[in-house]
C-alpha atoms as a PDB file:
ATOM      1  CA  MET A   1      -0.673   2.963  14.661  1.00  0.00           C
ATOM      2  CA  ARG A   2       1.223   5.608  16.655  1.00  0.00           C
ATOM      3  CA  PHE A   3       4.897   6.124  18.135  1.00  0.00           C
ATOM      4  CA  ILE A   4       6.613   8.096  20.049  1.00  0.00           C
ATOM      5  CA  SER A   5      10.337   9.440  19.682  1.00  0.00           C
ATOM      6  CA  HIS A   6      12.255  10.423  22.345  1.00  0.00           C
ATOM      7  CA  SER A   7      15.113  12.006  20.123  1.00  0.00           C
ATOM      8  CA  THR A   8      17.071  12.571  17.348  1.00  0.00           C
ATOM      9  CA  GLU A   9      17.955   9.293  17.052  1.00  0.00           C
ATOM     10  CA  GLU A  10      15.089   6.879  18.544  1.00  0.00           C
ATOM     11  CA  THR A  11      13.692   8.817  14.781  1.00  0.00           C
ATOM     12  CA  ILE A  12      16.715   7.655  13.104  1.00  0.00           C
ATOM     13  CA  ALA A  13      16.322   4.206  14.147  1.00  0.00           C
ATOM     14  CA  PHE A  14      12.282   4.104  13.981  1.00  0.00           C
ATOM     15  CA  GLY A  15      13.174   4.910  10.346  1.00  0.00           C
ATOM     16  CA  GLU A  16      15.784   1.795   9.967  1.00  0.00           C
ATOM     17  CA  ARG A  17      12.383  -0.670  11.275  1.00  0.00           C
ATOM     18  CA  LEU A  18      10.092   0.873   7.905  1.00  0.00           C
ATOM     19  CA  GLY A  19      13.090   1.117   5.849  1.00  0.00           C
ATOM     20  CA  ALA A  20      13.809  -2.720   6.244  1.00  0.00           C
ATOM     21  CA  LEU A  21      10.243  -3.717   5.919  1.00  0.00           C
ATOM     22  CA  LEU A  22      10.005  -1.538   2.345  1.00  0.00           C
ATOM     23  CA  ARG A  23      10.114  -2.683  -1.127  1.00  0.00           C
ATOM     24  CA  GLU A  24      10.320  -1.565  -4.833  1.00  0.00           C
ATOM     25  CA  GLY A  25       7.446  -0.248  -5.349  1.00  0.00           C
ATOM     26  CA  ASP A  26       6.219   0.797  -2.202  1.00  0.00           C
ATOM     27  CA  VAL A  27       5.343   5.072  -1.504  1.00  0.00           C
ATOM     28  CA  LEU A  28       5.544   7.082   1.663  1.00  0.00           C
ATOM     29  CA  ILE A  29       4.022  10.300   2.492  1.00  0.00           C
ATOM     30  CA  LEU A  30       5.348  12.681   5.027  1.00  0.00           C
ATOM     31  CA  THR A  31       3.518  15.004   7.164  1.00  0.00           C
ATOM     32  CA  GLY A  32       3.902  17.326   9.902  1.00  0.00           C
ATOM     33  CA  ASP A  33       5.093  20.823  10.165  1.00  0.00           C
ATOM     34  CA  LEU A  34       9.138  21.847   9.615  1.00  0.00           C
ATOM     35  CA  GLY A  35      11.211  20.367  12.117  1.00  0.00           C
ATOM     36  CA  ALA A  36       8.893  18.308  12.861  1.00  0.00           C
ATOM     37  CA  GLY A  37      11.302  15.387  12.176  1.00  0.00           C
ATOM     38  CA  LYS A  38      10.603  13.944   7.853  1.00  0.00           C
ATOM     39  CA  THR A  39      14.000  14.486   6.669  1.00  0.00           C
ATOM     40  CA  GLN A  40      15.291  12.426  10.058  1.00  0.00           C
ATOM     41  CA  LEU A  41      13.128   9.350   9.282  1.00  0.00           C
ATOM     42  CA  THR A  42      14.328   9.488   6.012  1.00  0.00           C
ATOM     43  CA  LYS A  43      17.896   9.209   7.190  1.00  0.00           C
ATOM     44  CA  GLY A  44      16.973   5.707   8.482  1.00  0.00           C
ATOM     45  CA  ILE A  45      15.160   4.879   6.164  1.00  0.00           C
ATOM     46  CA  ALA A  46      18.020   5.245   3.781  1.00  0.00           C
ATOM     47  CA  ARG A  47      20.119   4.236   6.234  1.00  0.00           C
ATOM     48  CA  ALA A  48      17.958   0.422   5.494  1.00  0.00           C
ATOM     49  CA  LEU A  49      18.364   0.888   1.806  1.00  0.00           C
ATOM     50  CA  GLY A  50      22.048   0.756   2.253  1.00  0.00           C
ATOM     51  CA  ILE A  51      22.155   5.089   1.246  1.00  0.00           C
ATOM     52  CA  THR A  52      25.795   6.179   2.405  1.00  0.00           C
ATOM     53  CA  ASP A  53      25.001   9.391   0.885  1.00  0.00           C
ATOM     54  CA  ASP A  54      23.966  11.970   3.586  1.00  0.00           C
ATOM     55  CA  VAL A  55      20.753  12.545   3.246  1.00  0.00           C
ATOM     56  CA  THR A  56      18.714  16.049   3.088  1.00  0.00           C
ATOM     57  CA  SER A  57      15.780  17.987   2.444  1.00  0.00           C
ATOM     58  CA  PRO A  58      15.567  18.723  -1.423  1.00  0.00           C
ATOM     59  CA  THR A  59      13.929  21.211  -0.668  1.00  0.00           C
ATOM     60  CA  PHE A  60      14.837  23.436  -3.661  1.00  0.00           C
ATOM     61  CA  THR A  61      15.173  20.658  -6.356  1.00  0.00           C
ATOM     62  CA  ILE A  62      12.130  18.649  -5.439  1.00  0.00           C
ATOM     63  CA  GLN A  63      13.651  15.253  -6.177  1.00  0.00           C
ATOM     64  CA  MET A  64      16.524  13.572  -5.107  1.00  0.00           C
ATOM     65  CA  VAL A  65      17.827   9.640  -5.617  1.00  0.00           C
ATOM     66  CA  TYR A  66      19.206   7.822  -3.609  1.00  0.00           C
ATOM     67  CA  PRO A  67      20.986   5.061  -5.141  1.00  0.00           C
ATOM     68  CA  GLY A  68      20.588   2.030  -2.259  1.00  0.00           C
ATOM     69  CA  THR A  69      22.334  -1.168  -1.804  1.00  0.00           C
ATOM     70  CA  GLU A  70      18.978  -3.421  -2.917  1.00  0.00           C
ATOM     71  CA  LEU A  71      17.123  -0.111  -3.591  1.00  0.00           C
ATOM     72  CA  ASP A  72      16.749   3.120  -4.272  1.00  0.00           C
ATOM     73  CA  LEU A  73      15.298   5.936  -2.816  1.00  0.00           C
ATOM     74  CA  ASN A  74      13.067   8.696  -4.775  1.00  0.00           C
ATOM     75  CA  HIS A  75      13.200  11.671  -2.211  1.00  0.00           C
ATOM     76  CA  PHE A  76      10.517  14.489  -2.269  1.00  0.00           C
ATOM     77  CA  ASP A  77       9.540  17.266  -1.284  1.00  0.00           C
ATOM     78  CA  LEU A  78       6.504  19.327  -2.688  1.00  0.00           C
ATOM     79  CA  TYR A  79       6.560  21.943  -0.216  1.00  0.00           C
ATOM     80  CA  ARG A  80       6.853  24.504  -2.445  1.00  0.00           C
ATOM     81  CA  LEU A  81       4.343  23.502  -4.716  1.00  0.00           C
ATOM     82  CA  GLU A  82       0.671  24.826  -4.809  1.00  0.00           C
ATOM     83  CA  ARG A  83      -0.848  23.011  -7.856  1.00  0.00           C
ATOM     84  CA  ALA A  84      -1.260  19.659  -8.450  1.00  0.00           C
ATOM     85  CA  ASP A  85      -0.144  20.320 -12.806  1.00  0.00           C
ATOM     86  CA  GLN A  86       3.199  21.367 -10.789  1.00  0.00           C
ATOM     87  CA  LEU A  87       3.397  17.789  -9.819  1.00  0.00           C
ATOM     88  CA  GLU A  88       4.000  17.024 -14.079  1.00  0.00           C
ATOM     89  CA  ASP A  89       7.601  18.812 -13.456  1.00  0.00           C
ATOM     90  CA  THR A  90       8.822  16.688 -10.766  1.00  0.00           C
ATOM     91  CA  GLY A  91       9.707  12.908 -12.131  1.00  0.00           C
ATOM     92  CA  LEU A  92       7.129  11.808  -9.468  1.00  0.00           C
ATOM     93  CA  PHE A  93       4.654   9.818 -11.416  1.00  0.00           C
ATOM     94  CA  ASP A  94       8.024   8.756 -13.595  1.00  0.00           C
ATOM     95  CA  VAL A  95       8.347   6.814 -10.135  1.00  0.00           C
ATOM     96  CA  LEU A  96       5.186   6.095  -8.862  1.00  0.00           C
ATOM     97  CA  GLY A  97       5.111   2.517  -8.010  1.00  0.00           C
ATOM     98  CA  ALA A  98       8.095   1.650 -10.339  1.00  0.00           C
ATOM     99  CA  GLU A  99      11.453   0.924  -9.446  1.00  0.00           C
ATOM    100  CA  GLY A 100      12.345   1.442  -5.510  1.00  0.00           C
ATOM    101  CA  VAL A 101      11.051   3.308  -3.223  1.00  0.00           C
ATOM    102  CA  CYS A 102       9.349   6.603  -2.999  1.00  0.00           C
ATOM    103  CA  VAL A 103       9.305   9.006   0.481  1.00  0.00           C
ATOM    104  CA  ILE A 104       6.767  12.428  -0.483  1.00  0.00           C
ATOM    105  CA  GLU A 105       7.944  14.927   1.414  1.00  0.00           C
ATOM    106  CA  TRP A 106       4.914  18.179   1.926  1.00  0.00           C
ATOM    107  CA  GLY A 107       2.904  15.426  -0.412  1.00  0.00           C
ATOM    108  CA  GLU A 108       0.106  14.906   1.823  1.00  0.00           C
ATOM    109  CA  GLN A 109      -2.004  17.638  -0.943  1.00  0.00           C
ATOM    110  CA  PHE A 110      -1.585  16.223  -3.401  1.00  0.00           C
ATOM    111  CA  ALA A 111      -2.231  12.516  -1.764  1.00  0.00           C
ATOM    112  CA  ASP A 112      -4.968  11.991  -4.283  1.00  0.00           C
ATOM    113  CA  GLU A 113      -2.409  12.382  -7.236  1.00  0.00           C
ATOM    114  CA  ILE A 114      -0.250   9.651  -5.688  1.00  0.00           C
ATOM    115  CA  GLY A 115      -2.342   7.632  -5.141  1.00  0.00           C
ATOM    116  CA  ASP A 116      -4.884   5.141  -3.124  1.00  0.00           C
ATOM    117  CA  GLU A 117      -1.621   2.315  -2.357  1.00  0.00           C
ATOM    118  CA  ARG A 118       0.493   4.088   0.408  1.00  0.00           C
ATOM    119  CA  LEU A 119       1.336   4.482   4.072  1.00  0.00           C
ATOM    120  CA  ASP A 120       0.528   8.110   5.798  1.00  0.00           C
ATOM    121  CA  VAL A 121       2.891   9.208   8.362  1.00  0.00           C
ATOM    122  CA  PHE A 122       2.286  12.266  10.386  1.00  0.00           C
ATOM    123  CA  LEU A 123       5.172  13.489  12.521  1.00  0.00           C
ATOM    124  CA  THR A 124       4.326  15.804  15.700  1.00  0.00           C
ATOM    125  CA  ARG A 125       6.127  17.696  18.370  1.00  0.00           C
ATOM    126  CA  LEU A 126       5.138  17.353  21.731  1.00  0.00           C
ATOM    127  CA  ASP A 127       5.740  20.832  22.791  1.00  0.00           C
ATOM    128  CA  ASP A 128       3.580  20.364  25.550  1.00  0.00           C
ATOM    129  CA  GLU A 129       5.633  17.213  26.760  1.00  0.00           C
ATOM    130  CA  ALA A 130       9.541  19.031  26.981  1.00  0.00           C
ATOM    131  CA  GLU A 131      10.372  21.269  29.723  1.00  0.00           C
ATOM    132  CA  PRO A 132      11.618  25.508  27.749  1.00  0.00           C
ATOM    133  CA  GLY A 133      14.550  24.978  25.899  1.00  0.00           C
ATOM    134  CA  GLU A 134      14.527  20.848  25.733  1.00  0.00           C
ATOM    135  CA  GLU A 135      13.925  19.332  22.599  1.00  0.00           C
ATOM    136  CA  PRO A 136      10.317  17.522  22.540  1.00  0.00           C
ATOM    137  CA  PRO A 137       9.602  14.489  21.678  1.00  0.00           C
ATOM    138  CA  ARG A 138       7.977  13.203  17.940  1.00  0.00           C
ATOM    139  CA  ALA A 139       4.837  11.280  17.386  1.00  0.00           C
ATOM    140  CA  ILE A 140       4.498   9.667  14.386  1.00  0.00           C
ATOM    141  CA  GLU A 141       1.482   7.847  13.830  1.00  0.00           C
ATOM    142  CA  LEU A 142       1.040   5.615  10.583  1.00  0.00           C
ATOM    143  CA  VAL A 143      -2.227   5.439   8.465  1.00  0.00           C
ATOM    144  CA  ALA A 144      -2.156   2.525   5.732  1.00  0.00           C
ATOM    145  CA  HIS A 145      -3.555   2.875   2.329  1.00  0.00           C
ATOM    146  CA  GLY A 146      -4.128   0.027   0.674  1.00  0.00           C
ATOM    147  CA  SER A 147      -2.955  -3.500   1.848  1.00  0.00           C
ATOM    148  CA  ARG A 148       0.653  -3.089   1.079  1.00  0.00           C
ATOM    149  CA  ALA A 149       0.746  -0.605   3.391  1.00  0.00           C
ATOM    150  CA  GLU A 150      -1.374  -2.211   6.423  1.00  0.00           C
ATOM    151  CA  GLN A 151       1.686  -4.801   5.510  1.00  0.00           C
ATOM    152  CA  ILE A 152       4.322  -2.808   6.412  1.00  0.00           C
ATOM    153  CA  ALA A 153       1.832  -1.220   9.355  1.00  0.00           C
ATOM    154  CA  SER A 154       1.354  -4.737  10.740  1.00  0.00           C
ATOM    155  CA  GLN A 155       4.993  -5.681  10.565  1.00  0.00           C
ATOM    156  CA  LEU A 156       6.197  -2.902  12.920  1.00  0.00           C
END
């Protein structure tokens, strides 16, 4: 399943649509280069969960928890991790499949440790489709792993 976003606002809006479908225990891995829109998508997810805090990428803190009106958002950024054994200190295993929703930026290298029930979201800048100086559109591709992720993807 593939979508094209032509602006930051469209990426956030797509995140809102996705976030409205999430429920307790859902896990998303967001993959994309720097500036691809992972955090913008997460802002939309947060908005759908009733979170009014400013969502930023937790690059240096690794985890941020945002209390929502219905569900909490556990937002991870694993960019700085190099080995799977470093995951033990992040708090990731404490929230996987449990309370709230878990959104993991840069988690693709740890997909085996994260588990088989997840929705992978790939964000790609389409630089060739933009004029010089223009912000390029983004492709957002969903790859479902497990029945719950398939359900989410099909509802979008």
